Amino acid sequence: MIPSRQILTPEDLARFQESDVCKYLMDFINALNDSIIGVKTEDEIEDSDIIQGLLGLLEKIHQTNEDIKPLETKSRFGNPAYRDFYSRCQDMMPVWLADIVPVEHMEEVSKYVQESFGNGRRIDYGTGHELNFIAFLLCLHKLDIIKKDDFRALVIHVFYKYIKVMRGLQMSYWLEPAGSHGVWGLDDYHFLPFLFGAGQLRTHKYLRPKSIHNPEILDEFSKDYMYFECVRFVNSIKTGSIRWHSPMIDDISGAKSWEKVNVGLIKMFVAEVIGKLPIMQHFMFGTILPFTGGSMSKEFADEAEHEEHDGCDHPHVFAFGQEFPDCCGIKVPSAIAAAQAANENGVSSDARKTFARPIPFD
């Protein structure tokens, strides 16, 4: 079966948060986090057949990105060529997954993979899409395809490869941040690499959260720890002080230990991703990850998802009980696009601060 939306009202979300599937999801994320405590990104970890298969899948998606070039455009919003990429992946996904997913579960599992790489209509990406990739991995675990012994390689090799593939898509197609607030000052797109990255650092004897303010430490240790690589990437595309462009990262750096950061980010993920209706309204459920919201029929939900606002040329998706968006009022351009445009125009680092300033990072 094709998974469908079930969380459409605050009441649905409250039921989901108390459900078994929500517990499975958070238990899975916590188990992945526990598996990489004290583990460096470049540590030698043996890859099982399923890990190799997942890495092969991600490489095919990366190659599709390489094959479909972005269109020439002066806009800093999403590049239309992304829709060709999305359609190509959608067509090829059953073929790419043939050696990974049993045929009887292909339709259901492939939907989570497809939704992991952004929205083909809106050309955007956010934490909800990232959550779909975790849901895909959880499906494989529940089908007993991924074993618990695979968890360390699943994070260090597969999930980190997924982040690299997503960075490529963000750089190529200038994907817009999904929503107007990014990830509350962490990153315009991602949350979990910060969470897992803090897990890697939990037992480090010398590096502290405040180390992110030292450029030399970021350069030297970004290859070993996802958290430092994420901060380094954010610094590379945004100008000015990290206190200005990423206030949450700056606030977190004041924590006394990486354990406090790691535990705090898990709580923040529950509150700001799992607990937010505008994000979870898009999450889908089927037979492997079952949940029934009960608020309305699937047909009505699908109609709401594809409803077009009068006078606007793109569809809006919103949860019931949430105010209907002002038409195009929260469309957010890509900070990556701004940085690349500045570089192409030969704008100096000082001038780029003025160039990028209108982009909201709040």
Protein backbone atom coordinates (compact mmCIF):
# COMPACT_ATOMS: atom_id res chain seq x y z
CA MET A 1 0.00 0.00 0.00
CA ILE A 2 1.03 3.61 -0.50
CA PRO A 3 1.51 5.40 2.84
CA SER A 4 -0.87 8.27 3.50
CA ARG A 5 -1.13 11.33 5.73
CA GLN A 6 -2.94 10.79 9.01
CA ILE A 7 -1.90 13.78 11.14
CA LEU A 8 -4.13 16.68 10.13
CA THR A 9 -5.27 18.27 13.38
CA PRO A 10 -3.75 19.03 16.78
CA GLU A 11 -5.80 16.13 18.14
CA ASP A 12 -4.22 13.76 15.58
CA LEU A 13 -0.76 14.97 16.57
CA ALA A 14 -1.48 14.42 20.26
CA ARG A 15 -2.65 10.85 19.53
CA PHE A 16 0.45 10.23 17.43
CA GLN A 17 2.77 11.40 20.21
CA GLU A 18 1.21 8.77 22.50
CA SER A 19 1.27 6.03 19.86
CA ASP A 20 3.47 2.95 19.52
CA VAL A 21 4.83 4.14 16.17
CA CYS A 22 6.09 7.38 17.72
CA LYS A 23 7.82 5.33 20.42
CA TYR A 24 9.36 3.08 17.75
CA LEU A 25 10.64 6.12 15.91
CA MET A 26 12.25 7.79 18.91
CA ASP A 27 13.62 4.48 20.25
CA PHE A 28 15.25 3.95 16.86
CA ILE A 29 16.81 7.42 16.82
CA ASN A 30 18.06 6.97 20.39
CA ALA A 31 19.52 3.56 19.52
CA LEU A 32 21.30 5.01 16.49
CA ASN A 33 22.64 7.82 18.67
CA ASP A 34 23.88 5.38 21.33
CA SER A 35 25.66 3.29 18.71
CA ILE A 36 28.02 6.10 17.67
CA ILE A 37 28.97 7.63 21.04
CA GLY A 38 32.72 8.17 20.94
CA VAL A 39 32.97 7.02 17.30
CA LYS A 40 34.79 9.16 14.73
CA THR A 41 33.43 9.61 11.22
CA GLU A 42 36.64 8.21 9.72
CA ASP A 43 36.91 5.21 12.07
CA GLU A 44 37.06 1.86 10.29
CA ILE A 45 33.64 0.19 10.46
CA GLU A 46 32.74 -2.96 8.58
CA ASP A 47 29.84 -2.64 6.16
CA SER A 48 27.37 -5.51 5.87
CA ASP A 49 25.64 -6.31 2.58
CA ILE A 50 22.66 -4.11 3.41
CA ILE A 51 24.91 -1.16 4.30
CA GLN A 52 26.73 -1.57 0.98
CA GLY A 53 23.38 -1.74 -0.80
CA LEU A 54 22.18 1.48 0.83
CA LEU A 55 25.43 3.24 -0.04
CA GLY A 56 24.94 2.08 -3.63
CA LEU A 57 21.41 3.51 -3.64
CA LEU A 58 22.67 6.88 -2.42
CA GLU A 59 25.42 6.86 -5.04
CA LYS A 60 22.81 6.35 -7.78
CA ILE A 61 20.85 9.32 -6.45
CA HIS A 62 24.04 11.40 -6.35
CA GLN A 63 24.84 10.40 -9.94
CA THR A 64 21.35 11.47 -11.03
CA ASN A 65 22.07 14.85 -9.47
CA GLU A 66 25.32 14.98 -11.47
CA ASP A 67 23.53 14.03 -14.70
CA ILE A 68 20.72 16.59 -14.42
CA LYS A 69 22.32 20.01 -14.50
CA PRO A 70 20.62 23.06 -12.96
CA LEU A 71 19.07 25.50 -15.40
CA GLU A 72 20.56 28.93 -15.87
CA THR A 73 18.50 31.33 -13.77
CA LYS A 74 18.92 34.61 -11.94
CA SER A 75 16.45 33.60 -9.26
CA ARG A 76 17.70 32.67 -5.79
CA PHE A 77 14.71 30.39 -5.29
CA GLY A 78 14.62 26.68 -6.15
CA ASN A 79 15.97 25.69 -9.57
CA PRO A 80 13.29 24.10 -11.82
CA ALA A 81 15.73 21.38 -12.92
CA TYR A 82 15.16 19.81 -9.49
CA ARG A 83 11.75 18.66 -10.72
CA ASP A 84 13.46 16.64 -13.47
CA PHE A 85 15.77 15.12 -10.86
CA TYR A 86 12.80 14.29 -8.64
CA SER A 87 10.86 12.67 -11.50
CA ARG A 88 13.88 10.62 -12.60
CA CYS A 89 14.35 9.30 -9.07
CA GLN A 90 10.65 8.55 -8.76
CA ASP A 91 10.72 6.51 -11.98
CA MET A 92 13.90 4.63 -11.07
CA MET A 93 13.32 4.06 -7.35
CA PRO A 94 11.67 0.59 -7.68
CA VAL A 95 14.62 -0.53 -9.83
CA TRP A 96 17.21 0.89 -7.44
CA LEU A 97 15.49 -0.69 -4.43
CA ALA A 98 14.92 -4.10 -6.04
CA ASP A 99 17.83 -5.75 -4.23
CA ILE A 100 17.03 -4.07 -0.90
CA VAL A 101 13.26 -4.12 -0.38
CA PRO A 102 10.94 -7.16 -0.77
CA VAL A 103 8.54 -6.69 -3.67
CA GLU A 104 5.47 -6.90 -1.42
CA HIS A 105 6.70 -3.82 0.50
CA MET A 106 8.16 -1.89 -2.44
CA GLU A 107 5.30 0.54 -2.94
CA GLU A 108 5.23 1.49 0.73
CA VAL A 109 8.95 1.71 1.46
CA SER A 110 9.88 3.51 -1.77
CA LYS A 111 7.54 6.35 -0.86
CA TYR A 112 9.61 7.15 2.24
CA VAL A 113 12.81 7.17 0.18
CA GLN A 114 11.32 9.47 -2.44
CA GLU A 115 10.12 11.91 0.21
CA SER A 116 13.58 11.96 1.79
CA PHE A 117 15.04 14.24 -0.87
CA GLY A 118 12.63 17.16 -0.79
CA ASN A 119 9.35 18.22 -2.36
CA GLY A 120 9.13 18.11 -6.14
CA ARG A 121 6.45 20.78 -6.41
CA ARG A 122 7.77 23.32 -3.97
CA ILE A 123 11.48 22.57 -4.57
CA ASP A 124 12.16 22.72 -0.85
CA TYR A 125 13.67 20.56 1.86
CA GLY A 126 13.53 20.49 5.64
CA THR A 127 13.54 18.39 8.78
CA GLY A 128 10.37 16.55 7.74
CA HIS A 129 12.15 15.20 4.66
CA GLU A 130 15.13 14.23 6.78
CA LEU A 131 12.71 12.37 9.08
CA ASN A 132 11.43 10.41 6.08
CA PHE A 133 14.93 9.02 5.52
CA ILE A 134 14.99 7.82 9.13
CA ALA A 135 11.53 6.30 8.56
CA PHE A 136 12.89 4.46 5.52
CA LEU A 137 15.71 3.00 7.62
CA LEU A 138 13.26 2.14 10.41
CA CYS A 139 11.06 0.27 7.91
CA LEU A 140 14.08 -1.83 6.87
CA HIS A 141 14.85 -2.50 10.53
CA LYS A 142 11.28 -3.55 11.28
CA LEU A 143 11.41 -5.86 8.23
CA ASP A 144 14.56 -7.37 9.79
CA ILE A 145 16.67 -6.28 6.81
CA ILE A 146 18.76 -3.91 8.91
CA LYS A 147 20.11 -5.56 12.07
CA LYS A 148 21.09 -3.87 15.32
CA ASP A 149 24.72 -4.70 14.54
CA ASP A 150 24.40 -2.41 11.49
CA PHE A 151 23.46 0.69 13.50
CA ARG A 152 26.95 2.16 13.81
CA ALA A 153 27.65 1.88 10.08
CA LEU A 154 24.09 3.04 9.40
CA VAL A 155 24.84 6.41 11.02
CA ILE A 156 28.52 6.89 10.20
CA HIS A 157 28.39 5.63 6.61
CA VAL A 158 24.80 5.62 5.33
CA PHE A 159 23.26 8.62 7.11
CA TYR A 160 26.38 10.73 6.63
CA LYS A 161 26.42 9.79 2.93
CA TYR A 162 22.77 10.88 2.79
CA ILE A 163 23.73 14.29 4.24
CA LYS A 164 26.48 14.63 1.62
CA VAL A 165 24.00 13.78 -1.14
CA MET A 166 21.58 16.36 0.25
CA ARG A 167 24.31 19.02 0.37
CA GLY A 168 24.89 18.30 -3.30
CA LEU A 169 21.20 18.79 -4.08
CA GLN A 170 21.08 21.97 -2.01
CA MET A 171 24.13 23.35 -3.80
CA SER A 172 22.96 22.31 -7.28
CA TYR A 173 19.29 23.19 -7.18
CA TRP A 174 19.22 25.82 -4.42
CA LEU A 175 16.50 24.02 -2.52
CA GLU A 176 14.45 26.41 -0.42
CA PRO A 177 14.28 25.80 3.35
CA ALA A 178 10.92 24.21 4.10
CA GLY A 179 9.18 26.87 6.17
CA SER A 180 10.35 30.31 7.14
CA HIS A 181 12.39 29.54 10.24
CA GLY A 182 15.01 27.07 9.05
CA VAL A 183 15.87 24.83 11.98
CA TRP A 184 15.75 27.49 14.68
CA GLY A 185 19.31 28.65 14.06
CA LEU A 186 20.91 25.19 13.73
CA ASP A 187 20.80 24.81 9.97
CA ASP A 188 18.34 25.86 7.29
CA TYR A 189 17.75 22.21 6.37
CA HIS A 190 19.02 19.63 8.87
CA PHE A 191 18.73 18.65 12.51
CA LEU A 192 19.87 15.05 12.98
CA PRO A 193 23.53 15.43 11.94
CA PHE A 194 23.89 17.89 14.83
CA LEU A 195 22.23 15.40 17.18
CA PHE A 196 24.35 12.44 16.03
CA GLY A 197 27.44 14.64 15.85
CA ALA A 198 27.00 15.62 19.49
CA GLY A 199 26.68 11.92 20.27
CA GLN A 200 30.04 11.26 18.62
CA LEU A 201 31.62 13.89 20.88
CA ARG A 202 29.97 12.86 24.16
CA THR A 203 33.05 11.13 25.56
CA HIS A 204 35.75 13.40 24.10
CA LYS A 205 38.23 14.42 26.82
CA TYR A 206 39.40 17.72 25.38
CA LEU A 207 37.05 19.19 22.78
CA ARG A 208 34.22 21.21 24.29
CA PRO A 209 31.05 22.75 22.79
CA LYS A 210 32.77 26.17 22.78
CA SER A 211 35.36 24.71 20.39
CA ILE A 212 33.10 25.58 17.47
CA HIS A 213 34.32 29.18 17.73
CA ASN A 214 37.87 28.13 16.84
CA PRO A 215 38.26 27.96 13.02
CA GLU A 216 41.37 25.80 13.30
CA ILE A 217 39.53 23.19 15.35
CA LEU A 218 36.66 23.17 12.86
CA ASP A 219 39.06 22.66 9.96
CA GLU A 220 41.03 19.92 11.69
CA PHE A 221 38.21 17.94 13.27
CA SER A 222 35.33 18.39 10.79
CA LYS A 223 36.43 15.19 9.05
CA ASP A 224 36.06 13.28 12.33
CA TYR A 225 32.84 14.69 13.78
CA MET A 226 29.56 15.51 12.07
CA TYR A 227 28.80 18.38 14.44
CA PHE A 228 31.96 20.27 13.49
CA GLU A 229 31.38 19.57 9.81
CA CYS A 230 27.84 20.97 10.07
CA VAL A 231 29.08 24.15 11.76
CA ARG A 232 31.87 24.48 9.21
CA PHE A 233 29.34 24.17 6.37
CA VAL A 234 27.00 26.75 7.88
CA ASN A 235 29.91 29.16 8.31
CA SER A 236 30.91 28.62 4.68
CA ILE A 237 27.59 29.78 3.24
CA LYS A 238 26.52 32.45 5.73
CA THR A 239 28.29 35.68 6.50
CA GLY A 240 28.91 37.56 9.70
CA SER A 241 29.13 36.24 13.23
CA ILE A 242 27.74 32.81 14.11
CA ARG A 243 25.90 34.59 16.91
CA TRP A 244 23.97 36.50 14.24
CA HIS A 245 23.34 33.90 11.57
CA SER A 246 22.99 30.80 13.80
CA PRO A 247 22.04 31.93 17.31
CA MET A 248 21.00 28.48 18.47
CA ILE A 249 24.41 27.00 17.60
CA ASP A 250 25.99 29.90 19.47
CA ASP A 251 23.76 29.34 22.51
CA ILE A 252 24.50 25.60 22.55
CA SER A 253 28.23 26.30 22.56
CA GLY A 254 27.85 27.59 26.11
CA ALA A 255 26.90 24.13 27.41
CA LYS A 256 29.39 22.53 29.80
CA SER A 257 29.55 19.14 28.10
CA TRP A 258 28.68 17.35 24.87
CA GLU A 259 26.46 15.02 26.89
CA LYS A 260 24.27 17.99 27.80
CA VAL A 261 24.24 19.06 24.14
CA ASN A 262 23.33 15.56 22.94
CA VAL A 263 20.55 15.03 25.48
CA GLY A 264 19.26 18.56 24.90
CA LEU A 265 19.10 18.06 21.14
CA ILE A 266 17.13 14.84 21.57
CA LYS A 267 14.59 16.73 23.70
CA MET A 268 14.56 19.56 21.17
CA PHE A 269 13.93 17.11 18.33
CA VAL A 270 10.92 15.69 20.16
CA ALA A 271 9.53 19.17 20.84
CA GLU A 272 10.38 20.98 17.60
CA VAL A 273 10.09 18.24 14.97
CA ILE A 274 7.96 15.38 16.32
CA GLY A 275 5.80 17.85 18.24
CA LYS A 276 5.13 20.35 15.44
CA LEU A 277 1.99 20.03 13.36
CA PRO A 278 3.33 21.96 10.31
CA ILE A 279 6.08 19.32 10.04
CA MET A 280 4.28 16.15 11.05
CA GLN A 281 1.21 16.87 8.91
CA HIS A 282 3.27 15.66 5.93
CA PHE A 283 4.46 12.42 7.54
CA MET A 284 2.90 9.25 6.12
CA PHE A 285 1.84 5.95 7.61
CA GLY A 286 1.22 2.50 6.16
CA THR A 287 1.38 -1.11 7.30
CA ILE A 288 5.00 -1.06 8.53
CA LEU A 289 4.62 2.21 10.43
CA PRO A 290 0.90 2.14 11.24
CA PHE A 291 -1.13 4.99 12.68
CA THR A 292 -4.67 6.22 12.08
CA GLY A 293 -5.45 9.82 12.93
CA GLY A 294 -9.18 9.47 12.58
CA SER A 295 -9.94 13.14 11.89
CA MET A 296 -11.07 12.79 8.31
CA SER A 297 -11.03 10.55 5.30
CA LYS A 298 -7.93 9.95 3.18
CA GLU A 299 -9.77 11.46 0.19
CA PHE A 300 -10.39 14.70 2.07
CA ALA A 301 -6.77 14.81 3.23
CA ASP A 302 -5.50 14.32 -0.32
CA GLU A 303 -7.82 17.06 -1.55
CA ALA A 304 -6.44 19.41 1.10
CA GLU A 305 -2.86 18.58 0.17
CA HIS A 306 -3.35 19.45 -3.50
CA GLU A 307 -5.66 22.40 -3.05
CA GLU A 308 -4.53 25.49 -4.94
CA HIS A 309 -5.02 28.95 -3.49
CA ASP A 310 -6.87 31.36 -5.74
CA GLY A 311 -4.49 33.72 -7.51
CA CYS A 312 -1.38 31.64 -6.75
CA ASP A 313 0.42 29.36 -9.19
CA HIS A 314 1.67 26.80 -6.67
CA PRO A 315 -0.07 24.48 -4.18
CA HIS A 316 -0.19 25.18 -0.47
CA VAL A 317 -0.10 22.41 2.12
CA PHE A 318 -1.38 23.19 5.58
CA ALA A 319 -2.77 21.41 8.58
CA PHE A 320 -6.30 21.89 9.74
CA GLY A 321 -6.36 24.15 12.76
CA GLN A 322 -3.40 26.04 11.27
CA GLU A 323 -4.02 29.42 9.68
CA PHE A 324 -3.97 29.30 5.88
CA PRO A 325 -0.68 30.84 4.68
CA ASP A 326 -0.59 34.32 3.21
CA CYS A 327 -0.04 33.67 -0.46
CA CYS A 328 3.74 33.37 -1.05
CA GLY A 329 4.40 35.46 2.04
CA ILE A 330 6.81 32.99 3.63
CA LYS A 331 8.77 31.90 0.59
CA VAL A 332 12.43 31.78 1.64
CA PRO A 333 15.36 31.93 -0.79
CA SER A 334 18.37 29.68 -0.40
CA ALA A 335 21.33 31.05 1.57
CA ILE A 336 23.47 28.78 -0.61
CA ALA A 337 22.13 30.59 -3.67
CA ALA A 338 23.04 33.94 -2.14
CA ALA A 339 26.58 32.81 -1.33
CA GLN A 340 27.14 31.33 -4.79
CA ALA A 341 25.74 34.40 -6.50
CA ALA A 342 28.08 36.61 -4.49
CA ASN A 343 31.07 34.48 -5.44
CA GLU A 344 30.13 34.45 -9.12
CA ASN A 345 29.83 38.24 -9.10
CA GLY A 346 33.21 38.63 -7.44
CA VAL A 347 31.73 40.30 -4.38
CA SER A 348 34.22 40.75 -1.54
CA SER A 349 33.69 39.11 1.83
CA ASP A 350 32.75 42.44 3.42
CA ALA A 351 30.32 43.29 0.66
CA ARG A 352 28.74 39.86 0.84
CA LYS A 353 27.60 40.60 4.37
CA THR A 354 25.35 43.28 2.96
CA PHE A 355 24.34 41.04 0.04
CA ALA A 356 23.16 38.18 2.23
CA ARG A 357 21.61 40.23 5.02
CA PRO A 358 18.01 40.36 3.66
CA ILE A 359 17.71 36.56 3.90
CA PRO A 360 15.89 35.60 7.10
CA PHE A 361 17.62 33.11 9.41
CA ASP A 362 15.37 33.64 12.41
